[in-house]
Protein backbone atom coordinates (compact mmCIF):
# COMPACT_ATOMS: atom_id res chain seq x y z
CA MET A 1 0.00 0.00 0.00
CA ALA A 2 2.76 2.35 0.90
CA SER A 3 4.66 1.39 -2.24
CA SER A 4 1.58 1.99 -4.37
CA GLN A 5 1.11 5.45 -2.91
CA LYS A 6 4.78 6.21 -3.52
CA GLN A 7 4.49 5.17 -7.14
CA LEU A 8 1.35 7.27 -7.54
CA SER A 9 3.12 10.25 -6.16
CA MET A 10 6.09 9.71 -8.44
CA SER A 11 3.82 9.33 -11.44
CA PHE A 12 1.99 12.52 -10.52
CA LEU A 13 5.27 14.38 -10.16
CA ALA A 14 6.43 13.08 -13.53
CA TYR A 15 3.14 14.21 -15.01
CA LEU A 16 3.56 17.68 -13.61
CA LEU A 17 7.10 17.92 -14.92
CA LEU A 18 5.96 16.75 -18.34
CA MET A 19 3.14 19.27 -18.44
CA LEU A 20 5.48 22.04 -17.30
CA ALA A 21 7.93 21.14 -20.05
CA HIS A 22 5.14 21.44 -22.60
CA GLN A 23 4.05 24.82 -21.12
CA MET A 24 7.51 26.44 -20.99
CA PRO A 25 7.51 27.76 -24.55
CA CYS A 26 4.10 29.33 -23.96
CA LEU A 27 5.16 30.88 -20.66
CA ALA A 28 8.33 32.26 -22.20
CA SER A 29 6.34 33.67 -25.06
CA SER A 30 3.84 35.28 -22.64
CA ARG A 31 6.64 36.81 -20.55
CA SER A 32 8.31 38.21 -23.65
CA SER A 33 5.02 39.71 -24.77
CA SER A 34 4.50 41.38 -21.36
CA LEU A 35 8.02 42.76 -21.34
CA ALA A 36 7.60 44.04 -24.85
CA ALA A 37 4.38 45.74 -23.83
CA ILE A 38 6.08 47.42 -20.87
CA VAL A 39 9.00 48.59 -22.99
CA GLY A 40 6.61 49.83 -25.63
CA ALA A 41 4.57 51.77 -23.10
CA SER A 42 7.74 53.14 -21.55
CA ASN A 43 9.05 54.28 -24.93
CA GLN A 44 5.78 56.03 -25.63
CA THR A 45 5.94 57.78 -22.24
CA VAL A 46 9.55 58.84 -22.80
CA ASN A 47 8.69 60.22 -26.23
CA GLU A 48 5.81 62.22 -24.77
CA GLU A 49 8.04 63.55 -21.97
CA VAL A 50 10.63 64.72 -24.50
CA GLU A 51 7.91 66.35 -26.57
CA ALA A 52 6.47 68.14 -23.52
CA LEU A 53 9.82 69.59 -22.43
CA LEU A 54 10.93 70.63 -25.92
CA THR A 55 7.60 72.36 -26.50
CA TRP A 56 8.00 74.26 -23.23
CA LYS A 57 11.59 75.20 -24.08
CA SER A 58 10.55 76.57 -27.48
CA ASN A 59 8.19 79.02 -25.77
CA LEU A 60 10.79 80.44 -23.36
CA ASP A 61 12.89 83.52 -24.12
CA SER A 62 16.16 83.25 -26.04
CA GLN A 63 18.39 83.41 -22.98
CA SER A 64 16.46 80.58 -21.34
CA ARG A 65 16.67 78.49 -24.50
CA SER A 66 20.41 79.09 -24.50
CA THR A 67 20.60 77.95 -20.87
CA LEU A 68 18.80 74.77 -21.91
CA SER A 69 21.06 74.15 -24.92
CA SER A 70 21.55 70.55 -23.78
CA TRP A 71 17.83 69.98 -24.31
CA ASN A 72 17.96 68.46 -27.77
CA GLY A 73 17.66 65.00 -29.24
CA SER A 74 15.64 62.20 -27.69
CA ASN A 75 17.77 61.26 -24.65
CA ALA A 76 16.25 63.56 -22.03
CA CYS A 77 18.11 61.79 -19.24
CA SER A 78 21.32 63.55 -20.33
CA TRP A 79 19.74 67.00 -20.33
CA ARG A 80 20.45 69.68 -17.76
CA GLY A 81 18.36 69.34 -14.62
CA ILE A 82 16.72 66.05 -15.62
CA GLY A 83 16.66 62.85 -13.56
CA CYS A 84 15.29 59.53 -14.81
CA ASP A 85 14.27 56.10 -13.58
CA PRO A 86 15.92 52.87 -14.89
CA LEU A 87 13.48 52.75 -17.81
CA GLY A 88 14.45 56.24 -18.94
CA SER A 89 11.29 58.00 -17.78
CA ILE A 90 11.70 61.47 -16.28
CA THR A 91 11.28 61.53 -12.49
CA SER A 92 12.81 64.87 -11.56
CA LEU A 93 13.14 68.32 -13.10
CA ASN A 94 15.45 70.69 -11.23
CA LEU A 95 16.14 74.06 -12.85
CA SER A 96 16.39 76.16 -9.70
CA ASP A 97 18.61 79.26 -9.90
CA SER A 98 18.85 78.98 -13.69
CA ALA A 99 17.53 82.41 -14.78
CA ILE A 100 14.67 80.79 -16.70
CA ARG A 101 12.13 83.34 -17.94
CA GLY A 102 8.68 82.50 -19.23
CA THR A 103 5.45 80.83 -18.15
CA LEU A 104 4.36 77.26 -17.47
CA TYR A 105 1.44 77.63 -19.86
CA HIS A 106 3.05 75.51 -22.59
CA LEU A 107 4.30 72.75 -20.27
CA ASN A 108 1.93 69.78 -20.62
CA PHE A 109 2.10 68.13 -17.21
CA SER A 110 -0.11 65.23 -18.32
CA GLN A 111 2.87 64.07 -20.41
CA LEU A 112 5.08 63.82 -17.29
CA PRO A 113 3.25 61.06 -15.38
CA ASN A 114 6.27 59.80 -13.43
CA LEU A 115 7.54 63.14 -12.18
CA VAL A 116 8.38 62.93 -8.48
CA ALA A 117 10.26 66.21 -7.94
CA LEU A 118 9.77 69.58 -9.66
CA ASN A 119 12.05 72.41 -8.54
CA LEU A 120 11.89 75.69 -10.48
CA ALA A 121 12.75 77.99 -7.57
CA ASN A 122 14.53 81.31 -7.99
CA ASN A 123 13.87 82.00 -11.65
CA SER A 124 11.83 84.61 -13.53
CA LEU A 125 8.74 82.56 -14.22
CA PHE A 126 5.45 84.43 -14.35
CA GLY A 127 1.77 83.96 -15.08
CA ASN A 128 -0.46 81.62 -13.14
CA ILE A 129 0.37 78.26 -11.61
CA PRO A 130 -1.36 75.87 -14.05
CA PRO A 131 -4.23 73.72 -12.73
CA GLY A 132 -2.82 70.99 -15.00
CA MET A 133 -0.27 70.24 -12.31
CA ALA A 134 -2.99 68.03 -10.87
CA HIS A 135 -1.82 65.37 -13.37
CA LEU A 136 1.43 64.93 -11.42
CA ALA A 137 0.02 62.19 -9.21
CA LYS A 138 3.43 60.92 -8.08
CA LEU A 139 4.83 64.35 -7.19
CA THR A 140 6.37 64.56 -3.71
CA PHE A 141 8.37 67.81 -4.11
CA LEU A 142 7.09 71.06 -5.65
CA GLY A 143 9.31 74.13 -5.38
CA LEU A 144 8.19 77.29 -7.21
CA SER A 145 9.47 79.89 -4.76
CA ARG A 146 11.16 83.18 -5.67
CA ASN A 147 9.51 83.72 -9.04
CA ASN A 148 6.81 86.11 -10.26
CA PHE A 149 3.79 83.82 -10.31
CA SER A 150 0.49 85.64 -9.86
CA ARG A 151 -3.24 85.00 -9.47
CA ASN A 152 -4.75 82.34 -7.22
CA ILE A 153 -3.30 79.13 -5.87
CA PRO A 154 -5.16 76.53 -7.97
CA THR A 155 -7.53 74.36 -5.98
CA GLN A 156 -6.39 71.42 -8.12
CA LEU A 157 -3.15 71.24 -6.13
CA GLY A 158 -5.24 69.44 -3.54
CA SER A 159 -5.12 66.40 -5.85
CA LEU A 160 -1.38 65.93 -5.32
CA ARG A 161 -1.87 63.47 -2.47
CA SER A 162 1.76 62.27 -2.53
CA LEU A 163 3.15 65.76 -1.99
CA GLN A 164 5.53 66.13 0.95
CA PHE A 165 7.12 69.49 0.16
CA LEU A 166 5.22 72.50 -1.23
CA ASP A 167 6.92 75.89 -1.50
CA LEU A 168 5.23 78.76 -3.37
CA SER A 169 6.86 81.53 -1.33
CA VAL A 170 8.13 84.89 -2.62
CA ASN A 171 5.78 85.33 -5.56
CA ASN A 172 2.81 87.60 -6.28
CA LEU A 173 0.05 85.13 -5.56
CA THR A 174 -3.34 86.54 -4.57
CA GLY A 175 -6.65 85.21 -3.35
CA SER A 176 -7.17 82.91 -0.41
CA ILE A 177 -5.55 79.65 0.63
CA PRO A 178 -7.75 76.92 -0.90
CA SER A 179 -9.44 74.60 1.57
CA GLN A 180 -8.39 71.68 -0.65
CA ILE A 181 -4.92 72.07 0.83
CA GLY A 182 -6.24 69.93 3.68
CA SER A 183 -6.14 66.91 1.35
CA LEU A 184 -2.34 66.95 1.25
CA THR A 185 -2.02 64.77 4.32
CA ASN A 186 1.55 63.69 3.53
CA LEU A 187 2.89 67.25 3.56
CA SER A 188 5.90 67.88 5.76
CA VAL A 189 6.74 71.44 4.63
CA LEU A 190 4.25 74.07 3.44
CA SER A 191 5.34 77.61 2.59
CA PHE A 192 3.13 80.29 1.04
CA SER A 193 5.09 83.17 2.60
CA ASP A 194 5.87 86.53 0.99
CA ASN A 195 2.93 86.75 -1.37
CA LYS A 196 -0.25 88.84 -1.44
CA LEU A 197 -2.61 86.19 -0.14
CA SER A 198 -5.78 87.33 1.63
CA GLY A 199 -8.81 85.71 3.19
CA PHE A 200 -8.85 83.33 6.13
CA ILE A 201 -6.61 80.42 7.02
CA PRO A 202 -8.91 77.46 6.18
CA LYS A 203 -9.82 75.21 9.09
CA GLU A 204 -8.91 72.26 6.87
CA ILE A 205 -5.27 73.08 7.45
CA GLY A 206 -5.64 71.16 10.70
CA MET A 207 -5.87 67.96 8.66
CA LEU A 208 -2.16 68.20 7.82
CA LYS A 209 -1.08 66.03 10.73
CA SER A 210 2.27 65.17 9.14
CA LEU A 211 3.20 68.83 8.70
CA ASN A 212 6.48 69.83 10.30
CA GLN A 213 6.89 73.40 9.03
CA LEU A 214 4.19 75.95 8.17
CA TYR A 215 5.19 79.35 6.76
CA LEU A 216 2.42 81.84 5.89
CA MET A 217 4.17 85.07 6.90
CA ASN A 218 4.30 88.33 4.95
CA ASN A 219 0.87 88.16 3.36
CA ARG A 220 -2.47 89.90 3.87
CA ILE A 221 -4.24 87.01 5.55
CA THR A 222 -7.13 88.04 7.79
CA GLY A 223 -9.48 86.39 10.22
CA PRO A 224 -8.64 84.27 13.25
CA ILE A 225 -6.10 81.51 13.68
CA PRO A 226 -8.25 78.35 13.37
CA SER A 227 -8.42 76.20 16.48
CA SER A 228 -7.89 73.16 14.26
CA ILE A 229 -4.23 74.14 14.19
CA GLY A 230 -3.96 72.20 17.44
CA ASN A 231 -4.32 68.96 15.46
CA MET A 232 -0.95 69.44 13.76
CA SER A 233 0.92 67.53 16.44
CA ASN A 234 4.16 67.18 14.44
CA LEU A 235 4.55 70.90 13.82
CA SER A 236 7.96 72.28 14.79
CA SER A 237 7.82 75.71 13.07
CA LEU A 238 4.74 77.94 12.83
CA TRP A 239 5.38 81.34 11.25
CA LEU A 240 2.34 83.57 10.68
CA PHE A 241 3.93 86.98 11.24
CA LYS A 242 3.22 90.14 9.23
CA ASN A 243 -0.37 89.42 8.30
CA GLN A 244 -3.67 90.94 9.41
CA LEU A 245 -4.83 88.16 11.69
CA VAL A 246 -7.42 89.06 14.32
CA GLY A 247 -9.00 87.44 17.33
CA SER A 248 -7.33 85.67 20.19
CA ILE A 249 -4.50 83.16 20.14
CA PRO A 250 -6.28 79.78 20.30
CA LYS A 251 -5.61 77.77 23.44
CA GLU A 252 -5.21 74.72 21.20
CA ILE A 253 -1.79 76.02 20.24
CA GLY A 254 -0.65 74.54 23.54
CA MET A 255 -1.28 71.08 22.06
CA LEU A 256 1.65 71.46 19.66
CA GLY A 257 4.16 69.67 21.86
CA SER A 258 6.80 69.44 19.12
CA LEU A 259 6.77 73.17 18.42
CA GLY A 260 10.21 74.79 18.45
CA GLN A 261 9.46 78.13 16.73
CA LEU A 262 6.26 80.17 17.07
CA ASP A 263 6.03 83.58 15.41
CA LEU A 264 2.69 85.43 15.41
CA SER A 265 4.23 88.92 15.49
CA SER A 266 3.00 91.98 13.57
CA ASN A 267 -0.69 91.08 13.36
CA ASN A 268 -3.85 92.43 15.00
CA LEU A 269 -4.25 89.66 17.55
CA SER A 270 -6.04 90.55 20.78
CA GLY A 271 -7.09 88.91 24.00
CA SER A 272 -4.85 87.31 26.57
CA ILE A 273 -1.85 85.04 26.24
CA PRO A 274 -3.18 81.46 26.64
CA THR A 275 -1.96 79.65 29.73
CA THR A 276 -1.60 76.49 27.64
CA LEU A 277 1.68 77.89 26.29
CA GLY A 278 3.23 76.43 29.41
CA ASN A 279 2.87 73.00 27.78
CA LEU A 280 5.33 73.90 25.02
CA SER A 281 8.42 72.54 26.72
CA ASN A 282 10.33 72.28 23.42
CA LEU A 283 9.67 75.84 22.30
CA GLY A 284 12.86 77.80 21.64
CA PHE A 285 11.56 80.97 19.96
CA LEU A 286 8.33 82.81 20.81
CA TYR A 287 7.43 86.06 19.05
CA PHE A 288 4.10 87.76 19.87
CA TYR A 289 5.33 91.36 19.51
CA ASP A 290 3.47 94.10 17.63
CA ASN A 291 -0.08 92.94 18.32
CA GLN A 292 -2.89 94.11 20.61
CA LEU A 293 -2.60 91.45 23.29
CA SER A 294 -3.91 92.39 26.73
CA GLY A 295 -4.08 90.90 30.18
CA SER A 296 -1.11 89.73 32.19
CA ILE A 297 1.81 87.47 31.37
CA PRO A 298 0.63 84.10 32.75
CA SER A 299 2.84 82.39 35.30
CA GLU A 300 2.62 79.27 33.14
CA VAL A 301 5.22 80.75 30.78
CA GLY A 302 7.74 79.37 33.24
CA GLY A 303 7.02 75.94 31.78
CA MET A 304 8.68 76.83 28.48
CA ARG A 305 12.08 75.84 29.80
CA SER A 306 13.71 75.49 26.36
CA LEU A 307 12.92 79.10 25.46
CA ILE A 308 15.86 81.05 24.02
CA ASP A 309 14.15 84.13 22.56
CA PHE A 310 10.96 85.54 24.16
CA GLN A 311 9.46 88.72 22.68
CA LEU A 312 6.15 90.26 23.78
CA SER A 313 6.90 93.92 23.01
CA ASP A 314 4.46 96.43 21.47
CA ASN A 315 1.24 95.10 22.99
CA ASP A 316 -1.17 96.23 25.72
CA LEU A 317 -0.07 93.78 28.39
CA THR A 318 -0.58 94.76 32.02
CA GLY A 319 0.33 93.40 35.42
CA PRO A 320 3.68 92.34 36.84
CA ILE A 321 6.33 90.05 35.44
CA PRO A 322 5.67 86.61 36.99
CA SER A 323 8.44 85.27 39.21
CA SER A 324 8.28 82.03 37.19
CA ILE A 325 10.28 83.88 34.55
CA GLY A 326 13.29 82.70 36.52
CA ASN A 327 12.69 79.16 35.24
CA LEU A 328 13.69 80.18 31.71
CA THR A 329 17.38 79.61 32.31
CA ASN A 330 18.16 79.13 28.60
CA LEU A 331 16.82 82.55 27.68
CA ASN A 332 19.11 84.79 25.59
CA ILE A 333 16.63 87.52 24.68
CA LEU A 334 13.71 88.90 26.73
CA GLN A 335 11.84 91.81 25.15
CA LEU A 336 8.84 93.20 27.06
CA TYR A 337 9.08 96.86 26.02
CA GLN A 338 6.21 99.10 24.92
CA ASN A 339 3.48 97.59 27.09
CA LYS A 340 1.66 98.68 30.25
CA LEU A 341 3.38 96.30 32.62
CA TYR A 342 3.82 97.47 36.19
CA GLY A 343 5.21 96.48 39.55
CA PRO A 344 8.81 95.75 40.51
CA ILE A 345 11.23 93.62 38.56
CA PRO A 346 11.27 90.19 40.25
CA LYS A 347 14.56 89.20 41.84
CA GLU A 348 14.30 85.91 39.94
CA ILE A 349 15.44 87.80 36.85
CA GLY A 350 18.94 87.18 38.16
CA MET A 351 18.53 83.46 37.47
CA LEU A 352 18.65 84.05 33.71
CA GLY A 353 22.38 83.55 33.44
CA SER A 354 22.35 83.17 29.64
CA LEU A 355 20.53 86.46 29.04
CA SER A 356 22.20 88.87 26.61
CA VAL A 357 19.33 91.25 25.73
CA LEU A 358 16.83 92.60 28.27
CA GLY A 359 14.23 95.18 27.21
CA PHE A 360 11.90 96.64 29.87
CA HIS A 361 11.62 100.16 28.40
CA TYR A 362 8.36 102.06 27.89
CA ASN A 363 6.29 100.41 30.62
CA ASN A 364 5.08 101.42 34.08
CA PHE A 365 7.55 99.42 36.16
CA SER A 366 8.39 100.81 39.58
CA GLY A 367 10.60 100.09 42.55
CA SER A 368 14.33 99.62 42.47
CA ILE A 369 16.35 97.39 40.19
CA PRO A 370 17.10 94.12 42.05
CA SER A 371 20.76 93.58 42.85
CA THR A 372 20.46 90.10 41.31
CA ILE A 373 20.70 91.75 37.90
CA GLY A 374 24.42 91.73 38.57
CA ASN A 375 24.31 87.95 38.01
CA LEU A 376 23.62 88.48 34.32
CA SER A 377 27.25 88.24 33.26
CA LYS A 378 26.44 87.81 29.55
CA LEU A 379 24.23 90.89 29.31
CA THR A 380 25.10 93.08 26.31
CA ASN A 381 21.92 95.17 25.98
CA LEU A 382 19.96 96.51 28.97
CA GLN A 383 17.00 98.85 28.35
CA LEU A 384 15.22 100.37 31.37
CA ALA A 385 14.10 103.70 29.88
CA SER A 386 10.74 105.40 30.40
CA ASN A 387 9.47 103.70 33.55
CA ASN A 388 9.02 104.75 37.17
CA PHE A 389 12.12 103.13 38.64
CA VAL A 390 13.62 104.65 41.77
CA GLY A 391 16.70 104.16 43.91
CA HIS A 392 20.29 103.64 42.86
CA LEU A 393 21.39 101.85 39.75
CA PRO A 394 23.15 98.63 40.85
CA HIS A 395 26.92 99.11 41.07
CA ASP A 396 27.65 95.72 39.49
CA ILE A 397 25.41 96.29 36.50
CA CYS A 398 28.34 95.43 34.23
CA ALA A 399 29.74 92.57 36.28
CA GLY A 400 30.37 90.47 33.18
CA ARG A 401 32.18 93.30 31.36
CA ALA A 402 30.02 92.51 28.31
CA LEU A 403 27.50 95.38 28.44
CA GLN A 404 27.39 97.41 25.23
CA ASN A 405 24.07 99.23 25.20
CA PHE A 406 22.64 100.63 28.43
CA SER A 407 19.68 103.00 28.67
CA ALA A 408 17.88 104.12 31.82
CA THR A 409 16.53 107.49 30.66
CA ASP A 410 13.29 109.03 31.93
CA ASN A 411 13.09 107.39 35.35
CA HIS A 412 13.63 108.57 38.94
CA PHE A 413 17.03 107.07 39.61
CA THR A 414 19.15 108.76 42.25
CA GLY A 415 22.68 108.32 43.48
CA PRO A 416 25.87 108.26 41.40
CA ILE A 417 26.65 106.79 38.04
CA PRO A 418 27.22 103.10 38.91
CA ARG A 419 30.89 102.56 39.64
CA GLY A 420 30.66 99.28 37.74
CA LEU A 421 30.35 101.28 34.52
CA ARG A 422 33.78 102.81 35.11
CA ASN A 423 35.50 99.58 34.08
CA CYS A 424 32.90 98.55 31.50
CA THR A 425 35.15 99.03 28.48
CA SER A 426 32.72 97.21 26.17
CA LEU A 427 30.19 100.07 26.25
CA ILE A 428 28.96 101.51 22.94
CA ARG A 429 25.86 103.49 23.99
CA VAL A 430 25.02 104.89 27.44
CA ARG A 431 21.85 106.92 28.03
CA LEU A 432 21.03 108.07 31.56
CA GLU A 433 19.25 111.34 30.78
CA ASN A 434 16.27 112.71 32.72
CA ASN A 435 16.89 111.23 36.16
CA GLN A 436 18.12 112.65 39.47
CA LEU A 437 21.59 111.16 39.38
CA LYS A 438 24.11 112.84 41.65
CA GLY A 439 27.85 112.53 42.04
CA ASN A 440 31.13 113.66 40.57
CA ILE A 441 31.11 113.10 36.84
CA SER A 442 34.87 112.58 36.69
CA GLU A 443 34.55 109.66 39.12
CA GLY A 444 31.70 108.04 37.20
CA LEU A 445 33.33 107.85 33.78
CA GLY A 446 36.01 105.39 32.72
CA THR A 447 37.82 104.61 29.50
CA TYR A 448 35.55 103.53 26.68
CA PRO A 449 37.33 102.80 23.40
CA TYR A 450 34.12 101.81 21.59
CA LEU A 451 31.70 104.39 23.01
CA ASP A 452 29.50 105.97 20.34
CA TYR A 453 26.83 107.77 22.41
CA LEU A 454 26.94 109.24 25.92
CA GLY A 455 23.84 110.99 27.26
CA LEU A 456 23.82 112.36 30.82
CA SER A 457 21.62 115.46 30.40
CA ASN A 458 19.04 116.61 32.95
CA ASN A 459 20.57 115.17 36.10
CA GLU A 460 22.36 116.65 39.11
CA LEU A 461 25.91 115.65 38.27
CA TYR A 462 28.75 117.93 39.35
CA GLY A 463 32.52 118.19 39.12
CA GLU A 464 34.73 118.93 36.14
CA LEU A 465 34.80 117.31 32.75
CA PRO A 466 37.66 114.81 32.76
CA PRO A 467 40.40 115.23 30.11
CA ARG A 468 40.03 111.53 29.27
CA LEU A 469 36.94 112.47 27.27
CA GLY A 470 39.43 113.04 24.48
CA GLU A 471 40.12 109.31 24.45
CA TYR A 472 36.56 108.58 23.32
CA SER A 473 37.68 108.52 19.70
CA ASN A 474 34.51 106.80 18.41
CA LEU A 475 32.03 109.10 20.15
CA THR A 476 29.45 110.74 17.87
CA SER A 477 27.13 112.28 20.49
CA LEU A 478 27.99 113.80 23.90
CA THR A 479 25.14 115.44 25.82
CA ILE A 480 25.67 116.55 29.43
CA SER A 481 23.35 119.57 29.46
CA ASN A 482 21.39 120.80 32.49
CA ASN A 483 23.67 119.50 35.24
CA ARG A 484 26.03 121.23 37.67
CA ILE A 485 29.26 120.72 35.77
CA SER A 486 31.94 123.29 36.56
CA GLY A 487 35.49 124.07 35.50
CA VAL A 488 36.74 124.56 31.97
CA ILE A 489 36.05 122.66 28.78
CA PRO A 490 39.17 120.48 28.43
CA PHE A 491 41.02 121.03 25.16
CA GLU A 492 41.19 117.22 24.79
CA VAL A 493 37.55 117.35 23.65
CA GLY A 494 38.98 118.38 20.29
CA ASN A 495 40.32 114.84 19.85
CA MET A 496 36.80 113.41 19.47
CA THR A 497 36.94 113.92 15.73
CA ARG A 498 33.87 111.78 14.96
CA LEU A 499 31.60 113.89 17.15
CA HIS A 500 28.35 115.01 15.49
CA ARG A 501 26.66 116.52 18.52
CA LEU A 502 28.15 118.29 21.55
CA ASP A 503 25.74 119.67 24.15
CA LEU A 504 27.21 121.10 27.37
CA SER A 505 24.53 123.76 27.84
CA SER A 506 22.97 124.85 31.16
CA ASN A 507 25.92 124.09 33.40
CA SER A 508 28.47 126.22 35.26
CA LEU A 509 31.38 125.96 32.85
CA VAL A 510 33.96 128.76 32.94
CA GLY A 511 36.95 129.85 30.89
CA GLU A 512 37.22 130.15 27.16
CA ILE A 513 35.89 127.99 24.38
CA PRO A 514 38.96 125.95 23.42
CA LYS A 515 40.27 126.49 19.91
CA ASP A 516 40.63 122.72 19.67
CA LEU A 517 36.90 122.47 18.97
CA GLY A 518 37.90 123.49 15.46
CA LYS A 519 39.24 119.95 15.01
CA LEU A 520 35.74 118.51 15.26
CA THR A 521 35.26 118.44 11.50
CA SER A 522 32.23 116.11 11.69
CA LEU A 523 30.32 118.35 14.12
CA LEU A 524 26.71 119.14 13.18
CA GLU A 525 25.36 120.62 16.44
CA LEU A 526 27.15 122.64 19.12
CA SER A 527 25.30 123.83 22.25
CA LEU A 528 27.22 125.71 24.94
CA TYR A 529 24.53 128.18 25.97
CA ASP A 530 23.71 129.17 29.55
CA ASN A 531 27.18 128.79 31.10
CA HIS A 532 29.82 131.25 32.33
CA LEU A 533 32.15 131.09 29.36
CA VAL A 534 34.27 134.16 28.57
CA GLY A 535 36.67 135.44 25.92
CA ASN A 536 36.50 135.61 22.18
CA ILE A 537 34.61 133.15 20.06
CA PRO A 538 37.40 131.13 18.43
CA GLN A 539 37.74 131.69 14.70
CA GLU A 540 38.47 127.99 14.29
CA LEU A 541 34.75 127.30 14.61
CA GLY A 542 34.37 128.88 11.19
CA THR A 543 36.20 125.94 9.62
CA LEU A 544 33.49 123.48 10.67
CA SER A 545 31.77 123.27 7.29
CA ASP A 546 29.17 120.68 8.39
CA LEU A 547 28.05 122.65 11.45
CA SER A 548 24.35 123.40 11.00
CA SER A 549 23.35 124.45 14.52
CA ILE A 550 25.30 126.48 17.08
CA ASN A 551 24.01 128.03 20.29
CA ILE A 552 26.46 129.82 22.58
CA ALA A 553 24.06 132.40 24.02
CA GLY A 554 23.83 133.10 27.74
CA ASN A 555 27.59 133.43 28.27
CA ASN A 556 30.04 136.32 28.51
CA LEU A 557 31.61 135.84 25.11
CA SER A 558 32.84 138.60 22.84
CA GLY A 559 33.25 138.86 19.11
CA SER A 560 31.05 137.44 16.40
CA ILE A 561 30.28 133.92 15.33
CA PRO A 562 32.74 133.24 12.47
């Protein structure tokens, strides 16, 4: 029985082998026919691709045709900017930065069925973006930025379901963003920036859950930011600045846990800053400046511990700075100027050891500056102007010797010029006008090789002008008016040859006007009025050909202005 079954099996196997042997010629013939069909279809596609590109080339200007001189014959794979698959079909067209001028009107996209990447960025293409691009079903990359395309974004682009990269930035596109854009669910990068787009951001944009970067800045987009934006959980960059957006910042923005850059600046946004921002622990850059935001800065901002650059200036924010600001230890830039913030500066500000720029100017802050500000050893720019600060300026305000730009004008500061500034050789601009500073001016000033602007007017400083002023060789503006400065004008002032403005008016200066002022060949304004100067007006002042304003009244001078 077992032997019989074995023989049956062997017979069946032999039968199969015999049948297969008889079928082989047929199978081979069938395979050859299929291959021939594929090659034939491929050849037809290649011929159509060549025809499409040569037709487009023939309708470009002469310079463009010259640039595409390699576009001739039937082997498109050897042409400039062309990439092909193994069968010779065109898969990529890259002519970026090629000075191509013309339109896409004569480019038949239906004859380019295998195109995966199309990059025509930074050329001189104009006209509309053809709806026929919808035929590019395999397209994953579309770059048309930095051209002169106009009219609307065609709704047909929503058919390009394979698209991962779409950049139409820096053109003259108008109209609104089509809602069909929500169909491009594979998109990773979307940029429509620097156009003339208007209308609302469609709520369908929230369907782009694979999107990593969204750039819509520098347009005329209106309406609110759609709450559906919170669905874009992979978003790392969201730039909507310089539009005409209105309404409040949606709380759903706090759902974008991958967000690293958020720029909503220069819009018409109103309402309060959402507390949900505290969830954005990966956020490095936050720009809400130049809007109409109101309310206070929520304490939850302390949760954004990766923040490097935080700018809320030019809004209508009120209330104090939350002490949780001290949690932002990676912060390099903090700009809160031009708001209605009030209260004292929290001592926790001294915990921001990486801070280089600090802008508190044009608010209603009060109280004294906390001594902890001396911990900010990397500070290069400190702006305290136009507040209600009182007390002494901290002596170690330049502890890190890095401070370059320091302004505390229009406050109620008293006491001397901080002694820490004396050794702050990095200073470029110092403005302390309109306070009640007291002390000997010669003790408050050091050596500043880079100093460009020194403003000490309208204080109660006394003493004599130090001769080392002549060492300020880069100074363009020196204003010390309306103080109690006495003594003579040191002749060394004549060494400040870059000086444009010199204002020593309303002091108690004596002696003669030094002839050395005639060396100040860049001088535009000279104010020495209301002092006790005597003697003749030096003729050397007549050589200052750029001098447009001079006021030396209220002295005991003789002679005429040369």
